[in-house]
Full PDB file with SEQRES, HELIX, SHEET, SSBOND, CRYST1, ORIGX, SCALE, CONECT and MASTER records, all heavy atoms in Angstrom:
SEQRES   1 A   33  HIS ARG CYS GLY ARG VAL LEU ASP SER ARG THR VAL LEU          
SEQRES   2 A   33  ARG SER LEU ALA HIS ASP PRO VAL ASP GLY THR ALA THR          
SEQRES   3 A   33  VAL LEU THR ALA CYS SER PRO                                  
SHEET    1 AA1 2 LEU A  13  ASP A  19  0                                        
SHEET    2 AA1 2 THR A  24  ALA A  30 -1                                        
CRYST1    1.000    1.000    1.000  90.00  90.00  90.00 P 1           1          
ORIGX1      1.000000  0.000000  0.000000        0.00000                         
ORIGX2      0.000000  1.000000  0.000000        0.00000                         
ORIGX3      0.000000  0.000000  1.000000        0.00000                         
SCALE1      1.000000  0.000000  0.000000        0.00000                         
SCALE2      0.000000  1.000000  0.000000        0.00000                         
SCALE3      0.000000  0.000000  1.000000        0.00000                         
ATOM      1  N   HIS A   1       1.315  -6.744 -22.813  1.00  0.00           N  
ATOM      2  CA  HIS A   1       0.702  -7.423 -21.720  1.00  0.00           C  
ATOM      3  C   HIS A   1      -0.583  -8.179 -22.032  1.00  0.00           C  
ATOM      4  O   HIS A   1      -0.907  -8.983 -21.197  1.00  0.00           O  
ATOM      5  CB  HIS A   1       0.317  -6.176 -20.677  1.00  0.00           C  
ATOM      6  CG  HIS A   1       1.399  -5.622 -19.913  1.00  0.00           C  
ATOM      7  ND1 HIS A   1       1.743  -4.310 -20.196  1.00  0.00           N  
ATOM      8  CD2 HIS A   1       2.216  -6.201 -19.077  1.00  0.00           C  
ATOM      9  CE1 HIS A   1       2.771  -4.075 -19.323  1.00  0.00           C  
ATOM     10  NE2 HIS A   1       3.103  -5.164 -18.692  1.00  0.00           N  
ATOM     11  N   ARG A   2      -0.965  -8.052 -23.262  1.00  0.00           N  
ATOM     12  CA  ARG A   2      -2.189  -8.909 -23.785  1.00  0.00           C  
ATOM     13  C   ARG A   2      -1.669 -10.311 -24.283  1.00  0.00           C  
ATOM     14  O   ARG A   2      -2.246 -11.290 -23.922  1.00  0.00           O  
ATOM     15  CB  ARG A   2      -2.936  -8.183 -24.630  1.00  0.00           C  
ATOM     16  CG  ARG A   2      -4.118  -8.863 -25.258  1.00  0.00           C  
ATOM     17  CD  ARG A   2      -5.336  -8.767 -24.314  1.00  0.00           C  
ATOM     18  NE  ARG A   2      -6.408  -9.309 -25.017  1.00  0.00           N  
ATOM     19  CZ  ARG A   2      -7.186 -10.410 -24.425  1.00  0.00           C  
ATOM     20  NH1 ARG A   2      -7.127 -10.766 -23.274  1.00  0.00           N  
ATOM     21  NH2 ARG A   2      -8.158 -10.818 -25.093  1.00  0.00           N  
ATOM     22  N   CYS A   3      -0.815 -10.229 -25.271  1.00  0.00           N  
ATOM     23  CA  CYS A   3      -0.374 -11.520 -26.070  1.00  0.00           C  
ATOM     24  C   CYS A   3       1.020 -11.952 -25.834  1.00  0.00           C  
ATOM     25  O   CYS A   3       1.366 -13.019 -26.125  1.00  0.00           O  
ATOM     26  CB  CYS A   3      -0.673 -11.361 -27.472  1.00  0.00           C  
ATOM     27  SG  CYS A   3       0.403 -10.023 -28.328  1.00  0.00           S  
ATOM     28  N   GLY A   4       1.826 -11.134 -25.150  1.00  0.00           N  
ATOM     29  CA  GLY A   4       3.248 -11.534 -24.885  1.00  0.00           C  
ATOM     30  C   GLY A   4       4.252 -11.335 -26.015  1.00  0.00           C  
ATOM     31  O   GLY A   4       5.395 -11.573 -25.813  1.00  0.00           O  
ATOM     32  N   ARG A   5       3.809 -10.758 -27.045  1.00  0.00           N  
ATOM     33  CA  ARG A   5       4.661 -10.512 -28.206  1.00  0.00           C  
ATOM     34  C   ARG A   5       5.742  -9.434 -27.834  1.00  0.00           C  
ATOM     35  O   ARG A   5       5.514  -8.512 -27.057  1.00  0.00           O  
ATOM     36  CB  ARG A   5       3.911  -9.822 -29.401  1.00  0.00           C  
ATOM     37  CG  ARG A   5       4.662  -9.472 -30.593  1.00  0.00           C  
ATOM     38  CD  ARG A   5       3.716  -8.840 -31.667  1.00  0.00           C  
ATOM     39  NE  ARG A   5       4.471  -8.062 -32.511  1.00  0.00           N  
ATOM     40  CZ  ARG A   5       3.989  -7.266 -33.396  1.00  0.00           C  
ATOM     41  NH1 ARG A   5       2.658  -7.024 -33.355  1.00  0.00           N  
ATOM     42  NH2 ARG A   5       4.770  -6.572 -34.242  1.00  0.00           N  
ATOM     43  N   VAL A   6       7.086  -9.790 -28.202  1.00  0.00           N  
ATOM     44  CA  VAL A   6       8.124  -8.929 -27.935  1.00  0.00           C  
ATOM     45  C   VAL A   6       8.080  -7.689 -28.785  1.00  0.00           C  
ATOM     46  O   VAL A   6       7.846  -7.844 -30.043  1.00  0.00           O  
ATOM     47  CB  VAL A   6       9.513  -9.625 -28.156  1.00  0.00           C  
ATOM     48  CG1 VAL A   6      10.690  -8.677 -28.020  1.00  0.00           C  
ATOM     49  CG2 VAL A   6       9.723 -10.771 -27.259  1.00  0.00           C  
ATOM     50  N   LEU A   7       8.143  -6.532 -28.275  1.00  0.00           N  
ATOM     51  CA  LEU A   7       8.092  -5.245 -28.948  1.00  0.00           C  
ATOM     52  C   LEU A   7       9.370  -4.539 -29.137  1.00  0.00           C  
ATOM     53  O   LEU A   7      10.240  -4.733 -28.254  1.00  0.00           O  
ATOM     54  CB  LEU A   7       6.978  -4.356 -28.219  1.00  0.00           C  
ATOM     55  CG  LEU A   7       5.614  -5.104 -27.853  1.00  0.00           C  
ATOM     56  CD1 LEU A   7       4.908  -4.146 -26.942  1.00  0.00           C  
ATOM     57  CD2 LEU A   7       4.958  -5.236 -29.190  1.00  0.00           C  
ATOM     58  N   ASP A   8       9.467  -3.662 -30.161  1.00  0.00           N  
ATOM     59  CA  ASP A   8      10.655  -2.817 -30.215  1.00  0.00           C  
ATOM     60  C   ASP A   8      10.091  -1.351 -30.189  1.00  0.00           C  
ATOM     61  O   ASP A   8       8.836  -1.092 -30.145  1.00  0.00           O  
ATOM     62  CB  ASP A   8      11.490  -3.030 -31.434  1.00  0.00           C  
ATOM     63  CG  ASP A   8      10.796  -2.905 -32.769  1.00  0.00           C  
ATOM     64  OD1 ASP A   8       9.878  -2.030 -32.904  1.00  0.00           O  
ATOM     65  OD2 ASP A   8      11.070  -3.583 -33.702  1.00  0.00           O  
ATOM     66  N   SER A   9      11.050  -0.295 -30.316  1.00  0.00           N  
ATOM     67  CA  SER A   9      10.644   0.970 -30.208  1.00  0.00           C  
ATOM     68  C   SER A   9       9.674   1.423 -31.270  1.00  0.00           C  
ATOM     69  O   SER A   9       8.875   2.532 -31.174  1.00  0.00           O  
ATOM     70  CB  SER A   9      11.884   1.865 -30.178  1.00  0.00           C  
ATOM     71  OG  SER A   9      12.529   1.711 -31.459  1.00  0.00           O  
ATOM     72  N   ARG A  10       9.586   0.728 -32.417  1.00  0.00           N  
ATOM     73  CA  ARG A  10       8.690   1.159 -33.476  1.00  0.00           C  
ATOM     74  C   ARG A  10       7.283   0.584 -33.308  1.00  0.00           C  
ATOM     75  O   ARG A  10       6.359   0.982 -33.870  1.00  0.00           O  
ATOM     76  CB  ARG A  10       9.271   0.696 -34.880  1.00  0.00           C  
ATOM     77  CG  ARG A  10      10.541   1.396 -35.203  1.00  0.00           C  
ATOM     78  CD  ARG A  10      11.294   0.755 -36.303  1.00  0.00           C  
ATOM     79  NE  ARG A  10      11.575  -0.549 -35.919  1.00  0.00           N  
ATOM     80  CZ  ARG A  10      12.028  -1.550 -36.776  1.00  0.00           C  
ATOM     81  NH1 ARG A  10      12.198  -1.295 -37.944  1.00  0.00           N  
ATOM     82  NH2 ARG A  10      12.400  -2.687 -36.227  1.00  0.00           N  
ATOM     83  N   THR A  11       7.217  -0.490 -32.637  1.00  0.00           N  
ATOM     84  CA  THR A  11       5.848  -1.193 -32.533  1.00  0.00           C  
ATOM     85  C   THR A  11       5.192  -1.111 -31.068  1.00  0.00           C  
ATOM     86  O   THR A  11       4.012  -1.527 -30.893  1.00  0.00           O  
ATOM     87  CB  THR A  11       5.994  -2.792 -32.746  1.00  0.00           C  
ATOM     88  OG1 THR A  11       6.914  -3.340 -31.895  1.00  0.00           O  
ATOM     89  CG2 THR A  11       6.389  -2.893 -34.183  1.00  0.00           C  
ATOM     90  N   VAL A  12       5.868  -0.608 -30.258  1.00  0.00           N  
ATOM     91  CA  VAL A  12       5.293  -0.530 -28.832  1.00  0.00           C  
ATOM     92  C   VAL A  12       4.320   0.652 -28.585  1.00  0.00           C  
ATOM     93  O   VAL A  12       4.434   1.701 -29.054  1.00  0.00           O  
ATOM     94  CB  VAL A  12       6.437  -0.449 -27.806  1.00  0.00           C  
ATOM     95  CG1 VAL A  12       7.102   0.942 -27.760  1.00  0.00           C  
ATOM     96  CG2 VAL A  12       5.781  -0.699 -26.323  1.00  0.00           C  
ATOM     97  N   LEU A  13       3.192   0.287 -27.991  1.00  0.00           N  
ATOM     98  CA  LEU A  13       2.185   1.366 -27.520  1.00  0.00           C  
ATOM     99  C   LEU A  13       2.136   1.300 -26.108  1.00  0.00           C  
ATOM    100  O   LEU A  13       2.021   0.218 -25.416  1.00  0.00           O  
ATOM    101  CB  LEU A  13       0.811   1.006 -28.123  1.00  0.00           C  
ATOM    102  CG  LEU A  13       0.680   1.093 -29.742  1.00  0.00           C  
ATOM    103  CD1 LEU A  13      -0.601   0.464 -30.110  1.00  0.00           C  
ATOM    104  CD2 LEU A  13       0.879   2.372 -30.187  1.00  0.00           C  
ATOM    105  N   ARG A  14       2.071   2.404 -25.419  1.00  0.00           N  
ATOM    106  CA  ARG A  14       2.010   2.472 -23.982  1.00  0.00           C  
ATOM    107  C   ARG A  14       0.920   3.439 -23.498  1.00  0.00           C  
ATOM    108  O   ARG A  14       0.698   4.518 -24.254  1.00  0.00           O  
ATOM    109  CB  ARG A  14       3.403   3.055 -23.392  1.00  0.00           C  
ATOM    110  CG  ARG A  14       4.418   2.014 -23.527  1.00  0.00           C  
ATOM    111  CD  ARG A  14       5.652   2.301 -22.710  1.00  0.00           C  
ATOM    112  NE  ARG A  14       6.670   1.343 -22.826  1.00  0.00           N  
ATOM    113  CZ  ARG A  14       7.649   1.493 -23.538  1.00  0.00           C  
ATOM    114  NH1 ARG A  14       7.954   2.529 -24.250  1.00  0.00           N  
ATOM    115  NH2 ARG A  14       8.628   0.429 -23.453  1.00  0.00           N  
ATOM    116  N   SER A  15       0.312   3.138 -22.441  1.00  0.00           N  
ATOM    117  CA  SER A  15      -0.702   3.990 -21.866  1.00  0.00           C  
ATOM    118  C   SER A  15      -0.499   3.977 -20.374  1.00  0.00           C  
ATOM    119  O   SER A  15      -0.114   3.001 -19.776  1.00  0.00           O  
ATOM    120  CB  SER A  15      -2.087   3.482 -22.236  1.00  0.00           C  
ATOM    121  OG  SER A  15      -3.055   4.279 -21.715  1.00  0.00           O  
ATOM    122  N   LEU A  16      -0.775   5.011 -19.667  1.00  0.00           N  
ATOM    123  CA  LEU A  16      -0.710   5.127 -18.203  1.00  0.00           C  
ATOM    124  C   LEU A  16      -2.109   4.927 -17.680  1.00  0.00           C  
ATOM    125  O   LEU A  16      -2.977   5.742 -17.958  1.00  0.00           O  
ATOM    126  CB  LEU A  16      -0.063   6.345 -17.687  1.00  0.00           C  
ATOM    127  CG  LEU A  16       0.262   6.688 -16.367  1.00  0.00           C  
ATOM    128  CD1 LEU A  16       1.262   5.607 -15.903  1.00  0.00           C  
ATOM    129  CD2 LEU A  16       0.817   7.994 -16.130  1.00  0.00           C  
ATOM    130  N   ALA A  17      -2.246   4.004 -16.789  1.00  0.00           N  
ATOM    131  CA  ALA A  17      -3.517   3.765 -16.129  1.00  0.00           C  
ATOM    132  C   ALA A  17      -3.429   4.192 -14.668  1.00  0.00           C  
ATOM    133  O   ALA A  17      -2.561   3.611 -13.933  1.00  0.00           O  
ATOM    134  CB  ALA A  17      -3.931   2.231 -16.153  1.00  0.00           C  
ATOM    135  N   HIS A  18      -4.205   5.079 -14.120  1.00  0.00           N  
ATOM    136  CA  HIS A  18      -4.184   5.672 -12.872  1.00  0.00           C  
ATOM    137  C   HIS A  18      -5.248   5.166 -11.935  1.00  0.00           C  
ATOM    138  O   HIS A  18      -6.373   5.018 -12.391  1.00  0.00           O  
ATOM    139  CB  HIS A  18      -4.273   7.137 -12.904  1.00  0.00           C  
ATOM    140  CG  HIS A  18      -4.119   7.822 -11.532  1.00  0.00           C  
ATOM    141  ND1 HIS A  18      -5.222   8.333 -10.933  1.00  0.00           N  
ATOM    142  CD2 HIS A  18      -3.091   8.040 -10.656  1.00  0.00           C  
ATOM    143  CE1 HIS A  18      -4.887   8.807  -9.667  1.00  0.00           C  
ATOM    144  NE2 HIS A  18      -3.548   8.643  -9.616  1.00  0.00           N  
ATOM    145  N   ASP A  19      -4.891   4.672 -10.777  1.00  0.00           N  
ATOM    146  CA  ASP A  19      -5.825   4.136  -9.861  1.00  0.00           C  
ATOM    147  C   ASP A  19      -6.130   5.308  -8.817  1.00  0.00           C  
ATOM    148  O   ASP A  19      -5.319   5.507  -7.895  1.00  0.00           O  
ATOM    149  CB  ASP A  19      -5.346   2.939  -9.082  1.00  0.00           C  
ATOM    150  CG  ASP A  19      -6.367   2.302  -8.104  1.00  0.00           C  
ATOM    151  OD1 ASP A  19      -7.356   2.987  -7.727  1.00  0.00           O  
ATOM    152  OD2 ASP A  19      -6.168   1.153  -7.759  1.00  0.00           O  
ATOM    153  N   PRO A  20      -7.298   5.883  -8.905  1.00  0.00           N  
ATOM    154  CA  PRO A  20      -7.590   6.999  -7.921  1.00  0.00           C  
ATOM    155  C   PRO A  20      -7.742   6.719  -6.540  1.00  0.00           C  
ATOM    156  O   PRO A  20      -7.630   7.397  -5.614  1.00  0.00           O  
ATOM    157  CB  PRO A  20      -8.828   7.614  -8.475  1.00  0.00           C  
ATOM    158  CG  PRO A  20      -9.525   6.536  -9.320  1.00  0.00           C  
ATOM    159  CD  PRO A  20      -8.474   5.626  -9.731  1.00  0.00           C  
ATOM    160  N   VAL A  21      -8.114   5.362  -6.318  1.00  0.00           N  
ATOM    161  CA  VAL A  21      -8.266   4.861  -4.886  1.00  0.00           C  
ATOM    162  C   VAL A  21      -7.004   4.886  -4.032  1.00  0.00           C  
ATOM    163  O   VAL A  21      -6.972   5.422  -2.962  1.00  0.00           O  
ATOM    164  CB  VAL A  21      -8.904   3.491  -4.843  1.00  0.00           C  
ATOM    165  CG1 VAL A  21      -9.015   2.989  -3.414  1.00  0.00           C  
ATOM    166  CG2 VAL A  21     -10.306   3.555  -5.602  1.00  0.00           C  
ATOM    167  N   ASP A  22      -5.899   4.196  -4.659  1.00  0.00           N  
ATOM    168  CA  ASP A  22      -4.706   4.210  -3.846  1.00  0.00           C  
ATOM    169  C   ASP A  22      -3.600   5.072  -4.440  1.00  0.00           C  
ATOM    170  O   ASP A  22      -2.543   5.126  -3.963  1.00  0.00           O  
ATOM    171  CB  ASP A  22      -4.262   2.738  -3.727  1.00  0.00           C  
ATOM    172  CG  ASP A  22      -3.890   2.047  -5.027  1.00  0.00           C  
ATOM    173  OD1 ASP A  22      -3.862   2.785  -6.048  1.00  0.00           O  
ATOM    174  OD2 ASP A  22      -3.570   0.899  -5.024  1.00  0.00           O  
ATOM    175  N   GLY A  23      -3.946   5.799  -5.539  1.00  0.00           N  
ATOM    176  CA  GLY A  23      -2.945   6.710  -6.111  1.00  0.00           C  
ATOM    177  C   GLY A  23      -1.699   6.063  -6.935  1.00  0.00           C  
ATOM    178  O   GLY A  23      -0.862   6.799  -7.280  1.00  0.00           O  
ATOM    179  N   THR A  24      -1.932   4.881  -7.276  1.00  0.00           N  
ATOM    180  CA  THR A  24      -0.919   4.150  -7.967  1.00  0.00           C  
ATOM    181  C   THR A  24      -1.109   4.322  -9.577  1.00  0.00           C  
ATOM    182  O   THR A  24      -2.221   4.682  -9.980  1.00  0.00           O  
ATOM    183  CB  THR A  24      -0.654   2.741  -7.586  1.00  0.00           C  
ATOM    184  OG1 THR A  24      -1.978   1.996  -7.926  1.00  0.00           O  
ATOM    185  CG2 THR A  24      -0.377   2.593  -6.112  1.00  0.00           C  
ATOM    186  N   ALA A  25      -0.059   4.138 -10.297  1.00  0.00           N  
ATOM    187  CA  ALA A  25      -0.242   4.123 -11.718  1.00  0.00           C  
ATOM    188  C   ALA A  25       0.473   2.864 -12.340  1.00  0.00           C  
ATOM    189  O   ALA A  25       1.470   2.419 -11.765  1.00  0.00           O  
ATOM    190  CB  ALA A  25       0.392   5.422 -12.294  1.00  0.00           C  
ATOM    191  N   THR A  26      -0.177   2.456 -13.443  1.00  0.00           N  
ATOM    192  CA  THR A  26       0.447   1.239 -14.009  1.00  0.00           C  
ATOM    193  C   THR A  26       0.717   1.585 -15.553  1.00  0.00           C  
ATOM    194  O   THR A  26      -0.160   2.236 -16.128  1.00  0.00           O  
ATOM    195  CB  THR A  26      -0.540   0.070 -14.016  1.00  0.00           C  
ATOM    196  OG1 THR A  26      -0.849  -0.230 -12.616  1.00  0.00           O  
ATOM    197  CG2 THR A  26      -0.044  -1.193 -14.742  1.00  0.00           C  
ATOM    198  N   VAL A  27       1.757   1.201 -16.088  1.00  0.00           N  
ATOM    199  CA  VAL A  27       2.089   1.493 -17.477  1.00  0.00           C  
ATOM    200  C   VAL A  27       1.636   0.171 -18.236  1.00  0.00           C  
ATOM    201  O   VAL A  27       2.059  -0.915 -17.979  1.00  0.00           O  
ATOM    202  CB  VAL A  27       3.563   1.651 -17.793  1.00  0.00           C  
ATOM    203  CG1 VAL A  27       3.970   1.821 -19.288  1.00  0.00           C  
ATOM    204  CG2 VAL A  27       4.077   3.000 -16.989  1.00  0.00           C  
ATOM    205  N   LEU A  28       0.864   0.382 -19.140  1.00  0.00           N  
ATOM    206  CA  LEU A  28       0.146  -0.688 -20.020  1.00  0.00           C  
ATOM    207  C   LEU A  28       1.035  -0.625 -21.232  1.00  0.00           C  
ATOM    208  O   LEU A  28       1.225   0.324 -21.946  1.00  0.00           O  
ATOM    209  CB  LEU A  28      -1.277  -0.533 -20.341  1.00  0.00           C  
ATOM    210  CG  LEU A  28      -2.281  -0.373 -19.139  1.00  0.00           C  
ATOM    211  CD1 LEU A  28      -3.606  -0.017 -19.621  1.00  0.00           C  
ATOM    212  CD2 LEU A  28      -2.204  -1.697 -18.223  1.00  0.00           C  
ATOM    213  N   THR A  29       1.486  -1.808 -21.637  1.00  0.00           N  
ATOM    214  CA  THR A  29       2.255  -1.973 -22.838  1.00  0.00           C  
ATOM    215  C   THR A  29       1.505  -2.908 -23.878  1.00  0.00           C  
ATOM    216  O   THR A  29       1.184  -4.088 -23.453  1.00  0.00           O  
ATOM    217  CB  THR A  29       3.706  -2.566 -22.583  1.00  0.00           C  
ATOM    218  OG1 THR A  29       4.265  -1.705 -21.573  1.00  0.00           O  
ATOM    219  CG2 THR A  29       4.536  -2.567 -23.820  1.00  0.00           C  
ATOM    220  N   ALA A  30       1.412  -2.455 -25.075  1.00  0.00           N  
ATOM    221  CA  ALA A  30       0.674  -3.358 -25.978  1.00  0.00           C  
ATOM    222  C   ALA A  30       1.230  -3.277 -27.418  1.00  0.00           C  
ATOM    223  O   ALA A  30       2.028  -2.388 -27.766  1.00  0.00           O  
ATOM    224  CB  ALA A  30      -0.745  -2.967 -26.020  1.00  0.00           C  
ATOM    225  N   CYS A  31       0.919  -4.148 -28.285  1.00  0.00           N  
ATOM    226  CA  CYS A  31       1.355  -4.307 -29.570  1.00  0.00           C  
ATOM    227  C   CYS A  31       0.363  -3.671 -30.652  1.00  0.00           C  
ATOM    228  O   CYS A  31       0.812  -3.464 -31.800  1.00  0.00           O  
ATOM    229  CB  CYS A  31       1.682  -5.735 -30.000  1.00  0.00           C  
ATOM    230  SG  CYS A  31       0.324  -6.799 -30.037  1.00  0.00           S  
ATOM    231  N   SER A  32      -0.867  -3.423 -30.230  1.00  0.00           N  
ATOM    232  CA  SER A  32      -1.892  -2.904 -31.117  1.00  0.00           C  
ATOM    233  C   SER A  32      -2.849  -2.001 -30.348  1.00  0.00           C  
ATOM    234  O   SER A  32      -2.908  -2.246 -29.126  1.00  0.00           O  
ATOM    235  CB  SER A  32      -2.613  -3.979 -31.901  1.00  0.00           C  
ATOM    236  OG  SER A  32      -3.396  -4.629 -30.916  1.00  0.00           O  
ATOM    237  N   PRO A  33      -3.534  -1.072 -31.018  1.00  0.00           N  
ATOM    238  CA  PRO A  33      -4.519  -0.266 -30.349  1.00  0.00           C  
ATOM    239  C   PRO A  33      -5.636  -1.135 -29.669  1.00  0.00           C  
ATOM    240  O   PRO A  33      -6.126  -0.927 -28.601  1.00  0.00           O  
ATOM    241  CB  PRO A  33      -5.118   0.690 -31.387  1.00  0.00           C  
ATOM    242  CG  PRO A  33      -3.985   0.710 -32.517  1.00  0.00           C  
ATOM    243  CD  PRO A  33      -3.277  -0.641 -32.387  1.00  0.00           C  
TER     244      PRO A  33                                                      
MASTER        0    0    0    0    2    0    0    6  243    1    0    3          
END                                                                             
């Protein structure tokens, strides 16, 4: 989501970001920490 690099299962990092105001969650996908 930061640089647009195509990722595969060995290089993908994911994190769940929760919005406490409206209760939604977003999956962040990145190529590096």
